[in-house]
Amino acid sequence: MSNRELAKQLIDQIPESKMYYIVSYLQGAAVPEETPNAETLEAMAEVQDMIESGTGEHFSGPTSDFLAMLAEG
């Protein structure tokens, strides 16, 4: 039995009062995964390089301080 067949059988066993939650979950799971575009892939590779080489800047503190720093800059 495939996972899809098992899921269909289990859905038949769920009481109607709980179907709202199942439908919401299934709607979220049914959204196709997005593939990052070339610019995003390049940015992700850049971050990975910075992590591996220990370069770049690291900020720790409240988000408000980080946003204030960006606004100054």
Protein backbone atom coordinates (compact mmCIF):
# COMPACT_ATOMS: atom_id res chain seq x y z
CA MET A 1 0.00 0.00 0.00
CA SER A 2 1.37 3.41 -0.95
CA ASN A 3 1.52 6.35 1.45
CA ARG A 4 -1.18 8.06 -0.60
CA GLU A 5 -3.50 5.07 -0.24
CA LEU A 6 -2.81 4.88 3.49
CA ALA A 7 -3.52 8.61 3.88
CA LYS A 8 -6.84 8.23 2.08
CA GLN A 9 -7.83 5.36 4.37
CA LEU A 10 -6.88 7.33 7.47
CA ILE A 11 -8.86 10.37 6.31
CA ASP A 12 -11.96 8.18 6.18
CA GLN A 13 -11.44 7.41 9.89
CA ILE A 14 -11.18 11.04 11.02
CA PRO A 15 -14.33 12.47 12.61
CA GLU A 16 -15.93 15.38 10.75
CA SER A 17 -15.31 17.63 13.76
CA LYS A 18 -11.54 17.35 13.16
CA MET A 19 -11.56 17.58 9.36
CA TYR A 20 -11.04 21.36 9.46
CA TYR A 21 -7.55 20.81 10.88
CA ILE A 22 -6.71 18.08 8.40
CA VAL A 23 -7.89 20.16 5.42
CA SER A 24 -5.82 23.15 6.60
CA TYR A 25 -2.74 20.96 6.94
CA LEU A 26 -3.24 19.36 3.53
CA GLN A 27 -3.68 22.75 1.88
CA GLY A 28 -0.33 23.83 3.29
CA ALA A 29 1.36 20.61 2.22
CA ALA A 30 -0.07 20.86 -1.30
CA VAL A 31 1.70 24.17 -2.05
CA PRO A 32 4.50 23.42 -4.49
CA GLU A 33 8.00 24.05 -3.23
CA GLU A 34 9.59 27.11 -4.76
CA THR A 35 12.96 26.84 -6.42
CA PRO A 36 15.30 29.74 -5.60
CA ASN A 37 16.27 31.92 -8.55
CA ALA A 38 19.89 32.46 -9.60
CA GLU A 39 20.28 35.64 -7.52
CA THR A 40 19.06 33.88 -4.37
CA LEU A 41 21.30 30.87 -5.01
CA GLU A 42 24.27 33.22 -5.43
CA ALA A 43 23.46 35.00 -2.14
CA MET A 44 23.11 31.66 -0.35
CA ALA A 45 26.51 30.53 -1.68
CA GLU A 46 28.05 33.84 -0.57
CA VAL A 47 26.71 33.37 2.96
CA GLN A 48 27.96 29.77 3.05
CA ASP A 49 31.42 30.98 1.98
CA MET A 50 31.39 33.60 4.74
CA ILE A 51 30.42 30.96 7.31
CA GLU A 52 33.14 28.57 6.18
CA SER A 53 35.88 31.22 5.98
CA GLY A 54 34.86 33.16 9.11
CA THR A 55 34.57 36.41 7.18
CA GLY A 56 31.77 38.92 7.17
CA GLU A 57 30.12 40.67 10.06
CA HIS A 58 28.21 39.11 12.92
CA PHE A 59 25.59 41.03 14.87
CA SER A 60 24.17 40.01 18.20
CA GLY A 61 21.62 42.06 20.02
CA PRO A 62 18.07 43.29 19.63
CA THR A 63 16.59 43.65 16.16
CA SER A 64 15.85 47.30 16.87
CA ASP A 65 19.59 47.98 17.33
CA PHE A 66 20.36 46.15 14.10
CA LEU A 67 17.77 48.15 12.17
CA ALA A 68 19.10 51.40 13.68
CA MET A 69 22.61 50.43 12.55
CA LEU A 70 21.34 49.79 9.01
CA ALA A 71 19.50 53.12 8.96
CA GLU A 72 22.72 54.96 9.86
CA GLY A 73 24.72 53.27 7.24
